[in-house]
Amino acid sequence: LNDSRFDGSEILVARENFGCGSSREHAPWAILDYGFRVVI
């Protein structure tokens, strides 16, 4: 996220078990507020 080549990206790609841990709804709020609309 500190690499300027990815500035303005709306698609985040990650490995398995993304979003594990506590059920806090703040996690998707942070992802959306940053600018990501799609997670793969």
Full PDB file with SEQRES, HELIX, SHEET, SSBOND, CRYST1, ORIGX, SCALE, CONECT and MASTER records, all heavy atoms in Angstrom:
SEQRES   1 A   40  LEU ASN ASP SER ARG PHE ASP GLY SER GLU ILE LEU VAL          
SEQRES   2 A   40  ALA ARG GLU ASN PHE GLY CYS GLY SER SER ARG GLU HIS          
SEQRES   3 A   40  ALA PRO TRP ALA ILE LEU ASP TYR GLY PHE ARG VAL VAL          
SEQRES   4 A   40  ILE                                                          
HELIX    1 AA1 SER A    4  PHE A    6  5                                   3    
HELIX    2 AA2 HIS A   26  TYR A   34  1                                   9    
SHEET    1 AA1 2 ILE A  11  LEU A  12  0                                        
SHEET    2 AA1 2 VAL A  38  VAL A  39  1                                        
CRYST1    1.000    1.000    1.000  90.00  90.00  90.00 P 1           1          
ORIGX1      1.000000  0.000000  0.000000        0.00000                         
ORIGX2      0.000000  1.000000  0.000000        0.00000                         
ORIGX3      0.000000  0.000000  1.000000        0.00000                         
SCALE1      1.000000  0.000000  0.000000        0.00000                         
SCALE2      0.000000  1.000000  0.000000        0.00000                         
SCALE3      0.000000  0.000000  1.000000        0.00000                         
ATOM      1  N   LEU A   1       0.814  -1.217   0.000  1.00  0.00           N  
ATOM      2  CA  LEU A   1       0.000   0.000   0.000  1.00  0.00           C  
ATOM      3  C   LEU A   1       0.848   1.267   0.000  1.00  0.00           C  
ATOM      4  O   LEU A   1       0.331   2.356  -0.256  1.00  0.00           O  
ATOM      5  CB  LEU A   1      -0.966   0.019   1.186  1.00  0.00           C  
ATOM      6  CG  LEU A   1      -2.375  -0.509   0.895  1.00  0.00           C  
ATOM      7  CD1 LEU A   1      -2.346  -1.981   0.534  1.00  0.00           C  
ATOM      8  CD2 LEU A   1      -3.318  -0.260   2.051  1.00  0.00           C  
ATOM      9  N   ASN A   2       2.143   1.137   0.267  1.00  0.00           N  
ATOM     10  CA  ASN A   2       3.048   2.284   0.216  1.00  0.00           C  
ATOM     11  C   ASN A   2       3.735   2.410  -1.138  1.00  0.00           C  
ATOM     12  O   ASN A   2       4.580   3.285  -1.320  1.00  0.00           O  
ATOM     13  CB  ASN A   2       4.096   2.181   1.326  1.00  0.00           C  
ATOM     14  CG  ASN A   2       3.469   2.313   2.697  1.00  0.00           C  
ATOM     15  OD1 ASN A   2       2.415   2.921   2.848  1.00  0.00           O  
ATOM     16  ND2 ASN A   2       4.105   1.735   3.708  1.00  0.00           N  
ATOM     17  N   ASP A   3       3.380   1.566  -2.077  1.00  0.00           N  
ATOM     18  CA  ASP A   3       3.944   1.587  -3.430  1.00  0.00           C  
ATOM     19  C   ASP A   3       3.032   2.431  -4.313  1.00  0.00           C  
ATOM     20  O   ASP A   3       1.877   2.070  -4.549  1.00  0.00           O  
ATOM     21  CB  ASP A   3       4.040   0.151  -3.957  1.00  0.00           C  
ATOM     22  CG  ASP A   3       4.783   0.047  -5.270  1.00  0.00           C  
ATOM     23  OD1 ASP A   3       4.780   1.021  -6.042  1.00  0.00           O  
ATOM     24  OD2 ASP A   3       5.356  -1.030  -5.533  1.00  0.00           O  
ATOM     25  N   SER A   4       3.537   3.536  -4.804  1.00  0.00           N  
ATOM     26  CA  SER A   4       2.720   4.485  -5.577  1.00  0.00           C  
ATOM     27  C   SER A   4       2.157   3.878  -6.856  1.00  0.00           C  
ATOM     28  O   SER A   4       1.193   4.407  -7.419  1.00  0.00           O  
ATOM     29  CB  SER A   4       3.528   5.738  -5.910  1.00  0.00           C  
ATOM     30  OG  SER A   4       4.648   5.406  -6.709  1.00  0.00           O  
ATOM     31  N   ARG A   5       2.718   2.767  -7.317  1.00  0.00           N  
ATOM     32  CA  ARG A   5       2.197   2.128  -8.537  1.00  0.00           C  
ATOM     33  C   ARG A   5       0.766   1.634  -8.335  1.00  0.00           C  
ATOM     34  O   ARG A   5       0.036   1.451  -9.306  1.00  0.00           O  
ATOM     35  CB  ARG A   5       3.076   0.945  -8.945  1.00  0.00           C  
ATOM     36  CG  ARG A   5       4.484   1.316  -9.354  1.00  0.00           C  
ATOM     37  CD  ARG A   5       5.303   0.088  -9.693  1.00  0.00           C  
ATOM     38  NE  ARG A   5       5.339  -0.855  -8.577  1.00  0.00           N  
ATOM     39  CZ  ARG A   5       5.682  -2.133  -8.687  1.00  0.00           C  
ATOM     40  NH1 ARG A   5       6.014  -2.638  -9.873  1.00  0.00           N  
ATOM     41  NH2 ARG A   5       5.704  -2.914  -7.626  1.00  0.00           N  
ATOM     42  N   PHE A   6       0.363   1.440  -7.084  1.00  0.00           N  
ATOM     43  CA  PHE A   6      -0.966   0.908  -6.809  1.00  0.00           C  
ATOM     44  C   PHE A   6      -1.935   1.969  -6.275  1.00  0.00           C  
ATOM     45  O   PHE A   6      -3.032   1.635  -5.837  1.00  0.00           O  
ATOM     46  CB  PHE A   6      -0.862  -0.271  -5.834  1.00  0.00           C  
ATOM     47  CG  PHE A   6       0.070  -1.342  -6.323  1.00  0.00           C  
ATOM     48  CD1 PHE A   6       1.304  -1.545  -5.720  1.00  0.00           C  
ATOM     49  CD2 PHE A   6      -0.259  -2.123  -7.419  1.00  0.00           C  
ATOM     50  CE1 PHE A   6       2.180  -2.516  -6.179  1.00  0.00           C  
ATOM     51  CE2 PHE A   6       0.607  -3.095  -7.894  1.00  0.00           C  
ATOM     52  CZ  PHE A   6       1.830  -3.295  -7.281  1.00  0.00           C  
ATOM     53  N   ASP A   7      -1.528   3.227  -6.327  1.00  0.00           N  
ATOM     54  CA  ASP A   7      -2.411   4.306  -5.873  1.00  0.00           C  
ATOM     55  C   ASP A   7      -3.707   4.298  -6.679  1.00  0.00           C  
ATOM     56  O   ASP A   7      -3.698   4.156  -7.903  1.00  0.00           O  
ATOM     57  CB  ASP A   7      -1.729   5.671  -6.026  1.00  0.00           C  
ATOM     58  CG  ASP A   7      -0.620   5.894  -5.015  1.00  0.00           C  
ATOM     59  OD1 ASP A   7      -0.470   5.067  -4.098  1.00  0.00           O  
ATOM     60  OD2 ASP A   7       0.102   6.902  -5.155  1.00  0.00           O  
ATOM     61  N   GLY A   8      -4.818   4.470  -5.991  1.00  0.00           N  
ATOM     62  CA  GLY A   8      -6.120   4.524  -6.657  1.00  0.00           C  
ATOM     63  C   GLY A   8      -6.708   3.168  -6.996  1.00  0.00           C  
ATOM     64  O   GLY A   8      -7.782   3.088  -7.590  1.00  0.00           O  
ATOM     65  N   SER A   9      -6.033   2.092  -6.600  1.00  0.00           N  
ATOM     66  CA  SER A   9      -6.531   0.742  -6.885  1.00  0.00           C  
ATOM     67  C   SER A   9      -7.857   0.496  -6.172  1.00  0.00           C  
ATOM     68  O   SER A   9      -8.051   0.910  -5.025  1.00  0.00           O  
ATOM     69  CB  SER A   9      -5.506  -0.296  -6.427  1.00  0.00           C  
ATOM     70  OG  SER A   9      -6.043  -1.604  -6.480  1.00  0.00           O  
ATOM     71  N   GLU A  10      -8.765  -0.193  -6.852  1.00  0.00           N  
ATOM     72  CA  GLU A  10     -10.063  -0.541  -6.269  1.00  0.00           C  
ATOM     73  C   GLU A  10     -10.221  -2.045  -6.069  1.00  0.00           C  
ATOM     74  O   GLU A  10     -11.272  -2.499  -5.630  1.00  0.00           O  
ATOM     75  CB  GLU A  10     -11.193  -0.046  -7.176  1.00  0.00           C  
ATOM     76  CG  GLU A  10     -11.263   1.464  -7.307  1.00  0.00           C  
ATOM     77  CD  GLU A  10     -12.404   1.903  -8.183  1.00  0.00           C  
ATOM     78  OE1 GLU A  10     -13.563   1.853  -7.715  1.00  0.00           O  
ATOM     79  OE2 GLU A  10     -12.150   2.277  -9.345  1.00  0.00           O  
ATOM     80  N   ILE A  11      -9.170  -2.818  -6.404  1.00  0.00           N  
ATOM     81  CA  ILE A  11      -9.240  -4.281  -6.304  1.00  0.00           C  
ATOM     82  C   ILE A  11      -8.065  -4.779  -5.468  1.00  0.00           C  
ATOM     83  O   ILE A  11      -6.905  -4.588  -5.827  1.00  0.00           O  
ATOM     84  CB  ILE A  11      -9.205  -4.938  -7.705  1.00  0.00           C  
ATOM     85  CG1 ILE A  11     -10.368  -4.428  -8.567  1.00  0.00           C  
ATOM     86  CG2 ILE A  11      -9.244  -6.464  -7.582  1.00  0.00           C  
ATOM     87  CD1 ILE A  11     -10.299  -4.874 -10.027  1.00  0.00           C  
ATOM     88  N   LEU A  12      -8.378  -5.423  -4.352  1.00  0.00           N  
ATOM     89  CA  LEU A  12      -7.370  -5.988  -3.465  1.00  0.00           C  
ATOM     90  C   LEU A  12      -7.357  -7.500  -3.647  1.00  0.00           C  
ATOM     91  O   LEU A  12      -8.412  -8.143  -3.584  1.00  0.00           O  
ATOM     92  CB  LEU A  12      -7.702  -5.637  -2.011  1.00  0.00           C  
ATOM     93  CG  LEU A  12      -6.752  -6.137  -0.930  1.00  0.00           C  
ATOM     94  CD1 LEU A  12      -5.389  -5.465  -1.068  1.00  0.00           C  
ATOM     95  CD2 LEU A  12      -7.339  -5.869   0.456  1.00  0.00           C  
ATOM     96  N   VAL A  13      -6.182  -8.073  -3.868  1.00  0.00           N  
ATOM     97  CA  VAL A  13      -6.049  -9.528  -4.031  1.00  0.00           C  
ATOM     98  C   VAL A  13      -5.167 -10.054  -2.907  1.00  0.00           C  
ATOM     99  O   VAL A  13      -4.079  -9.525  -2.657  1.00  0.00           O  
ATOM    100  CB  VAL A  13      -5.435  -9.895  -5.403  1.00  0.00           C  
ATOM    101  CG1 VAL A  13      -5.317 -11.414  -5.549  1.00  0.00           C  
ATOM    102  CG2 VAL A  13      -6.274  -9.319  -6.543  1.00  0.00           C  
ATOM    103  N   ALA A  14      -5.643 -11.083  -2.203  1.00  0.00           N  
ATOM    104  CA  ALA A  14      -4.904 -11.648  -1.073  1.00  0.00           C  
ATOM    105  C   ALA A  14      -5.032 -13.162  -1.066  1.00  0.00           C  
ATOM    106  O   ALA A  14      -5.758 -13.739  -1.878  1.00  0.00           O  
ATOM    107  CB  ALA A  14      -5.417 -11.060   0.236  1.00  0.00           C  
ATOM    108  N   ARG A  15      -4.351 -13.773  -0.133  1.00  0.00           N  
ATOM    109  CA  ARG A  15      -4.376 -15.238  -0.033  1.00  0.00           C  
ATOM    110  C   ARG A  15      -5.528 -15.706   0.856  1.00  0.00           C  
ATOM    111  O   ARG A  15      -6.377 -14.920   1.241  1.00  0.00           O  
ATOM    112  CB  ARG A  15      -3.028 -15.741   0.478  1.00  0.00           C  
ATOM    113  CG  ARG A  15      -1.899 -15.501  -0.524  1.00  0.00           C  
ATOM    114  CD  ARG A  15      -0.642 -16.242  -0.142  1.00  0.00           C  
ATOM    115  NE  ARG A  15       0.428 -15.999  -1.110  1.00  0.00           N  
ATOM    116  CZ  ARG A  15       0.566 -16.666  -2.247  1.00  0.00           C  
ATOM    117  NH1 ARG A  15      -0.275 -17.619  -2.567  1.00  0.00           N  
ATOM    118  NH2 ARG A  15       1.573 -16.378  -3.065  1.00  0.00           N  
ATOM    119  N   GLU A  16      -5.511 -16.990   1.210  1.00  0.00           N  
ATOM    120  CA  GLU A  16      -6.643 -17.634   1.868  1.00  0.00           C  
ATOM    121  C   GLU A  16      -6.917 -17.104   3.274  1.00  0.00           C  
ATOM    122  O   GLU A  16      -6.048 -16.548   3.920  1.00  0.00           O  
ATOM    123  CB  GLU A  16      -6.430 -19.157   1.934  1.00  0.00           C  
ATOM    124  CG  GLU A  16      -5.366 -19.626   2.910  1.00  0.00           C  
ATOM    125  CD  GLU A  16      -3.952 -19.507   2.368  1.00  0.00           C  
ATOM    126  OE1 GLU A  16      -3.768 -19.163   1.186  1.00  0.00           O  
ATOM    127  OE2 GLU A  16      -3.003 -19.769   3.148  1.00  0.00           O  
ATOM    128  N   ASN A  17      -8.172 -17.310   3.695  1.00  0.00           N  
ATOM    129  CA  ASN A  17      -8.649 -16.995   5.038  1.00  0.00           C  
ATOM    130  C   ASN A  17      -8.568 -15.496   5.334  1.00  0.00           C  
ATOM    131  O   ASN A  17      -8.208 -15.096   6.437  1.00  0.00           O  
ATOM    132  CB  ASN A  17      -7.874 -17.808   6.090  1.00  0.00           C  
ATOM    133  CG  ASN A  17      -8.614 -17.891   7.409  1.00  0.00           C  
ATOM    134  OD1 ASN A  17      -9.841 -17.816   7.460  1.00  0.00           O  
ATOM    135  ND2 ASN A  17      -7.865 -18.050   8.486  1.00  0.00           N  
ATOM    136  N   PHE A  18      -8.925 -14.698   4.364  1.00  0.00           N  
ATOM    137  CA  PHE A  18      -8.888 -13.250   4.534  1.00  0.00           C  
ATOM    138  C   PHE A  18     -10.022 -12.819   5.473  1.00  0.00           C  
ATOM    139  O   PHE A  18     -11.144 -13.303   5.370  1.00  0.00           O  
ATOM    140  CB  PHE A  18      -9.044 -12.551   3.180  1.00  0.00           C  
ATOM    141  CG  PHE A  18      -8.760 -11.087   3.224  1.00  0.00           C  
ATOM    142  CD1 PHE A  18      -7.457 -10.617   3.113  1.00  0.00           C  
ATOM    143  CD2 PHE A  18      -9.785 -10.169   3.379  1.00  0.00           C  
ATOM    144  CE1 PHE A  18      -7.183  -9.255   3.160  1.00  0.00           C  
ATOM    145  CE2 PHE A  18      -9.526  -8.806   3.432  1.00  0.00           C  
ATOM    146  CZ  PHE A  18      -8.217  -8.347   3.314  1.00  0.00           C  
ATOM    147  N   GLY A  19      -9.709 -11.909   6.392  1.00  0.00           N  
ATOM    148  CA  GLY A  19     -10.724 -11.396   7.313  1.00  0.00           C  
ATOM    149  C   GLY A  19     -11.008 -12.293   8.495  1.00  0.00           C  
ATOM    150  O   GLY A  19     -12.079 -12.202   9.108  1.00  0.00           O  
ATOM    151  N   CYS A  20     -10.057 -13.155   8.849  1.00  0.00           N  
ATOM    152  CA  CYS A  20     -10.253 -14.030  10.011  1.00  0.00           C  
ATOM    153  C   CYS A  20     -10.141 -13.192  11.288  1.00  0.00           C  
ATOM    154  O   CYS A  20      -9.819 -12.017  11.251  1.00  0.00           O  
ATOM    155  CB  CYS A  20      -9.233 -15.165  10.009  1.00  0.00           C  
ATOM    156  SG  CYS A  20      -7.506 -14.620   9.988  1.00  0.00           S  
ATOM    157  N   GLY A  21     -10.417 -13.803  12.418  1.00  0.00           N  
ATOM    158  CA  GLY A  21     -10.323 -13.089  13.684  1.00  0.00           C  
ATOM    159  C   GLY A  21     -11.673 -12.581  14.141  1.00  0.00           C  
ATOM    160  O   GLY A  21     -12.706 -13.182  13.856  1.00  0.00           O  
ATOM    161  N   SER A  22     -11.675 -11.456  14.836  1.00  0.00           N  
ATOM    162  CA  SER A  22     -12.914 -10.923  15.422  1.00  0.00           C  
ATOM    163  C   SER A  22     -13.867 -10.452  14.327  1.00  0.00           C  
ATOM    164  O   SER A  22     -13.469 -10.231  13.180  1.00  0.00           O  
ATOM    165  CB  SER A  22     -12.600  -9.775  16.384  1.00  0.00           C  
ATOM    166  OG  SER A  22     -12.111  -8.666  15.667  1.00  0.00           O  
ATOM    167  N   SER A  23     -15.116 -10.272  14.697  1.00  0.00           N  
ATOM    168  CA  SER A  23     -16.166  -9.991  13.722  1.00  0.00           C  
ATOM    169  C   SER A  23     -16.368  -8.499  13.476  1.00  0.00           C  
ATOM    170  O   SER A  23     -17.381  -8.105  12.920  1.00  0.00           O  
ATOM    171  CB  SER A  23     -17.485 -10.606  14.195  1.00  0.00           C  
ATOM    172  OG  SER A  23     -17.862 -10.045  15.436  1.00  0.00           O  
ATOM    173  N   ARG A  24     -15.424  -7.664  13.847  1.00  0.00           N  
ATOM    174  CA  ARG A  24     -15.616  -6.215  13.768  1.00  0.00           C  
ATOM    175  C   ARG A  24     -15.989  -5.751  12.364  1.00  0.00           C  
ATOM    176  O   ARG A  24     -15.319  -6.062  11.387  1.00  0.00           O  
ATOM    177  CB  ARG A  24     -14.377  -5.476  14.271  1.00  0.00           C  
ATOM    178  CG  ARG A  24     -13.133  -5.689  13.452  1.00  0.00           C  
ATOM    179  CD  ARG A  24     -11.908  -5.094  14.098  1.00  0.00           C  
ATOM    180  NE  ARG A  24     -11.607  -5.772  15.343  1.00  0.00           N  
ATOM    181  CZ  ARG A  24     -10.455  -5.642  15.994  1.00  0.00           C  
ATOM    182  NH1 ARG A  24      -9.516  -4.865  15.529  1.00  0.00           N  
ATOM    183  NH2 ARG A  24     -10.252  -6.288  17.124  1.00  0.00           N  
ATOM    184  N   GLU A  25     -17.087  -4.995  12.296  1.00  0.00           N  
ATOM    185  CA  GLU A  25     -17.553  -4.468  11.009  1.00  0.00           C  
ATOM    186  C   GLU A  25     -16.676  -3.324  10.519  1.00  0.00           C  
ATOM    187  O   GLU A  25     -16.729  -2.936   9.358  1.00  0.00           O  
ATOM    188  CB  GLU A  25     -19.006  -4.007  11.141  1.00  0.00           C  
ATOM    189  CG  GLU A  25     -19.718  -3.882   9.812  1.00  0.00           C  
ATOM    190  CD  GLU A  25     -21.224  -3.719   9.956  1.00  0.00           C  
ATOM    191  OE1 GLU A  25     -21.707  -3.561  11.094  1.00  0.00           O  
ATOM    192  OE2 GLU A  25     -21.907  -3.757   8.927  1.00  0.00           O  
ATOM    193  N   HIS A  26     -15.830  -2.807  11.409  1.00  0.00           N  
ATOM    194  CA  HIS A  26     -14.920  -1.729  11.032  1.00  0.00           C  
ATOM    195  C   HIS A  26     -13.943  -2.172   9.940  1.00  0.00           C  
ATOM    196  O   HIS A  26     -13.436  -1.329   9.198  1.00  0.00           O  
ATOM    197  CB  HIS A  26     -14.118  -1.266  12.247  1.00  0.00           C  
ATOM    198  CG  HIS A  26     -14.962  -0.785  13.379  1.00  0.00           C  
ATOM    199  ND1 HIS A  26     -15.667  -1.654  14.188  1.00  0.00           N  
ATOM    200  CD2 HIS A  26     -15.231   0.463  13.839  1.00  0.00           C  
ATOM    201  CE1 HIS A  26     -16.311  -0.951  15.118  1.00  0.00           C  
ATOM    202  NE2 HIS A  26     -16.076   0.331  14.922  1.00  0.00           N  
ATOM    203  N   ALA A  27     -13.667  -3.482   9.847  1.00  0.00           N  
ATOM    204  CA  ALA A  27     -12.711  -3.967   8.845  1.00  0.00           C  
ATOM    205  C   ALA A  27     -13.187  -3.666   7.415  1.00  0.00           C  
ATOM    206  O   ALA A  27     -12.451  -3.049   6.640  1.00  0.00           O  
ATOM    207  CB  ALA A  27     -12.435  -5.455   9.040  1.00  0.00           C  
ATOM    208  N   PRO A  28     -14.411  -4.062   7.030  1.00  0.00           N  
ATOM    209  CA  PRO A  28     -14.859  -3.666   5.695  1.00  0.00           C  
ATOM    210  C   PRO A  28     -15.038  -2.158   5.555  1.00  0.00           C  
ATOM    211  O   PRO A  28     -14.823  -1.615   4.464  1.00  0.00           O  
ATOM    212  CB  PRO A  28     -16.191  -4.409   5.504  1.00  0.00           C  
ATOM    213  CG  PRO A  28     -16.573  -4.936   6.824  1.00  0.00           C  
ATOM    214  CD  PRO A  28     -15.341  -5.036   7.648  1.00  0.00           C  
ATOM    215  N   TRP A  29     -15.391  -1.450   6.637  1.00  0.00           N  
ATOM    216  CA  TRP A  29     -15.491   0.006   6.549  1.00  0.00           C  
ATOM    217  C   TRP A  29     -14.141   0.600   6.153  1.00  0.00           C  
ATOM    218  O   TRP A  29     -14.080   1.507   5.329  1.00  0.00           O  
ATOM    219  CB  TRP A  29     -15.913   0.610   7.893  1.00  0.00           C  
ATOM    220  CG  TRP A  29     -17.299   0.260   8.343  1.00  0.00           C  
ATOM    221  CD1 TRP A  29     -18.268  -0.395   7.635  1.00  0.00           C  
ATOM    222  CD2 TRP A  29     -17.874   0.544   9.618  1.00  0.00           C  
ATOM    223  NE1 TRP A  29     -19.404  -0.542   8.393  1.00  0.00           N  
ATOM    224  CE2 TRP A  29     -19.198   0.030   9.615  1.00  0.00           C  
ATOM    225  CE3 TRP A  29     -17.407   1.181  10.763  1.00  0.00           C  
ATOM    226  CZ2 TRP A  29     -20.042   0.139  10.712  1.00  0.00           C  
ATOM    227  CZ3 TRP A  29     -18.244   1.299  11.859  1.00  0.00           C  
ATOM    228  CH2 TRP A  29     -19.555   0.776  11.837  1.00  0.00           C  
ATOM    229  N   ALA A  30     -13.057   0.095   6.749  1.00  0.00           N  
ATOM    230  CA  ALA A  30     -11.722   0.615   6.450  1.00  0.00           C  
ATOM    231  C   ALA A  30     -11.319   0.290   5.010  1.00  0.00           C  
ATOM    232  O   ALA A  30     -10.740   1.124   4.308  1.00  0.00           O  
ATOM    233  CB  ALA A  30     -10.698   0.038   7.436  1.00  0.00           C  
ATOM    234  N   ILE A  31     -11.630  -0.925   4.568  1.00  0.00           N  
ATOM    235  CA  ILE A  31     -11.294  -1.330   3.201  1.00  0.00           C  
ATOM    236  C   ILE A  31     -12.022  -0.454   2.184  1.00  0.00           C  
ATOM    237  O   ILE A  31     -11.416   0.066   1.234  1.00  0.00           O  
ATOM    238  CB  ILE A  31     -11.630  -2.826   2.997  1.00  0.00           C  
ATOM    239  CG1 ILE A  31     -10.638  -3.687   3.780  1.00  0.00           C  
ATOM    240  CG2 ILE A  31     -11.621  -3.201   1.514  1.00  0.00           C  
ATOM    241  CD1 ILE A  31     -11.014  -5.148   3.877  1.00  0.00           C  
ATOM    242  N   LEU A  32     -13.316  -0.246   2.410  1.00  0.00           N  
ATOM    243  CA  LEU A  32     -14.111   0.565   1.490  1.00  0.00           C  
ATOM    244  C   LEU A  32     -13.688   2.035   1.538  1.00  0.00           C  
ATOM    245  O   LEU A  32     -13.551   2.678   0.491  1.00  0.00           O  
ATOM    246  CB  LEU A  32     -15.594   0.430   1.835  1.00  0.00           C  
ATOM    247  CG  LEU A  32     -16.588   1.093   0.878  1.00  0.00           C  
ATOM    248  CD1 LEU A  32     -16.502   0.476  -0.513  1.00  0.00           C  
ATOM    249  CD2 LEU A  32     -18.012   0.977   1.423  1.00  0.00           C  
ATOM    250  N   ASP A  33     -13.447   2.552   2.726  1.00  0.00           N  
ATOM    251  CA  ASP A  33     -13.070   3.949   2.867  1.00  0.00           C  
ATOM    252  C   ASP A  33     -11.710   4.224   2.221  1.00  0.00           C  
ATOM    253  O   ASP A  33     -11.471   5.325   1.705  1.00  0.00           O  
ATOM    254  CB  ASP A  33     -13.049   4.346   4.351  1.00  0.00           C  
ATOM    255  CG  ASP A  33     -12.960   5.848   4.546  1.00  0.00           C  
ATOM    256  OD1 ASP A  33     -13.925   6.549   4.167  1.00  0.00           O  
ATOM    257  OD2 ASP A  33     -11.942   6.320   5.071  1.00  0.00           O  
ATOM    258  N   TYR A  34     -10.837   3.229   2.218  1.00  0.00           N  
ATOM    259  CA  TYR A  34      -9.534   3.389   1.563  1.00  0.00           C  
ATOM    260  C   TYR A  34      -9.697   3.478   0.046  1.00  0.00           C  
ATOM    261  O   TYR A  34      -8.905   4.116  -0.637  1.00  0.00           O  
ATOM    262  CB  TYR A  34      -8.618   2.216   1.935  1.00  0.00           C  
ATOM    263  CG  TYR A  34      -7.216   2.385   1.407  1.00  0.00           C  
ATOM    264  CD1 TYR A  34      -6.273   3.129   2.122  1.00  0.00           C  
ATOM    265  CD2 TYR A  34      -6.820   1.814   0.200  1.00  0.00           C  
ATOM    266  CE1 TYR A  34      -4.984   3.300   1.638  1.00  0.00           C  
ATOM    267  CE2 TYR A  34      -5.540   1.977  -0.290  1.00  0.00           C  
ATOM    268  CZ  TYR A  34      -4.618   2.721   0.428  1.00  0.00           C  
ATOM    269  OH  TYR A  34      -3.345   2.890  -0.054  1.00  0.00           O  
ATOM    270  N   GLY A  35     -10.738   2.811  -0.476  1.00  0.00           N  
ATOM    271  CA  GLY A  35     -10.992   2.875  -1.917  1.00  0.00           C  
ATOM    272  C   GLY A  35     -11.183   1.536  -2.599  1.00  0.00           C  
ATOM    273  O   GLY A  35     -11.506   1.487  -3.789  1.00  0.00           O  
ATOM    274  N   PHE A  36     -11.012   0.447  -1.856  1.00  0.00           N  
ATOM    275  CA  PHE A  36     -11.212  -0.871  -2.454  1.00  0.00           C  
ATOM    276  C   PHE A  36     -12.703  -1.198  -2.522  1.00  0.00           C  
ATOM    277  O   PHE A  36     -13.406  -1.097  -1.528  1.00  0.00           O  
ATOM    278  CB  PHE A  36     -10.484  -1.958  -1.651  1.00  0.00           C  
ATOM    279  CG  PHE A  36      -8.985  -1.854  -1.708  1.00  0.00           C  
ATOM    280  CD1 PHE A  36      -8.260  -1.608  -0.554  1.00  0.00           C  
ATOM    281  CD2 PHE A  36      -8.313  -1.997  -2.914  1.00  0.00           C  
ATOM    282  CE1 PHE A  36      -6.876  -1.502  -0.603  1.00  0.00           C  
ATOM    283  CE2 PHE A  36      -6.926  -1.895  -2.972  1.00  0.00           C  
ATOM    284  CZ  PHE A  36      -6.205  -1.640  -1.813  1.00  0.00           C  
ATOM    285  N   ARG A  37     -13.166  -1.609  -3.703  1.00  0.00           N  
ATOM    286  CA  ARG A  37     -14.565  -2.008  -3.877  1.00  0.00           C  
ATOM    287  C   ARG A  37     -14.692  -3.507  -4.080  1.00  0.00           C  
ATOM    288  O   ARG A  37     -15.775  -4.069  -3.969  1.00  0.00           O  
ATOM    289  CB  ARG A  37     -15.169  -1.270  -5.071  1.00  0.00           C  
ATOM    290  CG  ARG A  37     -15.048   0.252  -4.891  1.00  0.00           C  
ATOM    291  CD  ARG A  37     -15.950   1.024  -5.781  1.00  0.00           C  
ATOM    292  NE  ARG A  37     -17.315   0.781  -5.378  1.00  0.00           N  
ATOM    293  CZ  ARG A  37     -18.325   0.729  -6.236  1.00  0.00           C  
ATOM    294  NH1 ARG A  37     -18.135   0.877  -7.517  1.00  0.00           N  
ATOM    295  NH2 ARG A  37     -19.546   0.510  -5.807  1.00  0.00           N  
ATOM    296  N   VAL A  38     -13.565  -4.154  -4.409  1.00  0.00           N  
ATOM    297  CA  VAL A  38     -13.536  -5.595  -4.676  1.00  0.00           C  
ATOM    298  C   VAL A  38     -12.358  -6.199  -3.924  1.00  0.00           C  
ATOM    299  O   VAL A  38     -11.262  -5.628  -3.909  1.00  0.00           O  
ATOM    300  CB  VAL A  38     -13.378  -5.877  -6.189  1.00  0.00           C  
ATOM    301  CG1 VAL A  38     -13.251  -7.370  -6.460  1.00  0.00           C  
ATOM    302  CG2 VAL A  38     -14.526  -5.262  -6.985  1.00  0.00           C  
ATOM    303  N   VAL A  39     -12.589  -7.354  -3.295  1.00  0.00           N  
ATOM    304  CA  VAL A  39     -11.508  -8.141  -2.690  1.00  0.00           C  
ATOM    305  C   VAL A  39     -11.570  -9.522  -3.328  1.00  0.00           C  
ATOM    306  O   VAL A  39     -12.650 -10.105  -3.456  1.00  0.00           O  
ATOM    307  CB  VAL A  39     -11.653  -8.260  -1.160  1.00  0.00           C  
ATOM    308  CG1 VAL A  39     -10.503  -9.078  -0.575  1.00  0.00           C  
ATOM    309  CG2 VAL A  39     -11.703  -6.884  -0.506  1.00  0.00           C  
ATOM    310  N   ILE A  40     -10.414 -10.032  -3.740  1.00  0.00           N  
ATOM    311  CA  ILE A  40     -10.330 -11.366  -4.339  1.00  0.00           C  
ATOM    312  C   ILE A  40      -9.405 -12.217  -3.482  1.00  0.00           C  
ATOM    313  O   ILE A  40      -8.283 -11.803  -3.175  1.00  0.00           O  
ATOM    314  CB  ILE A  40      -9.793 -11.303  -5.789  1.00  0.00           C  
ATOM    315  CG1 ILE A  40     -10.713 -10.447  -6.673  1.00  0.00           C  
ATOM    316  CG2 ILE A  40      -9.637 -12.713  -6.371  1.00  0.00           C  
ATOM    317  CD1 ILE A  40     -10.170 -10.198  -8.074  1.00  0.00           C  
TER     318      ILE A  40                                                      
MASTER        0    0    0    2    2    0    0    6  317    1    0    4          
END                                                                             
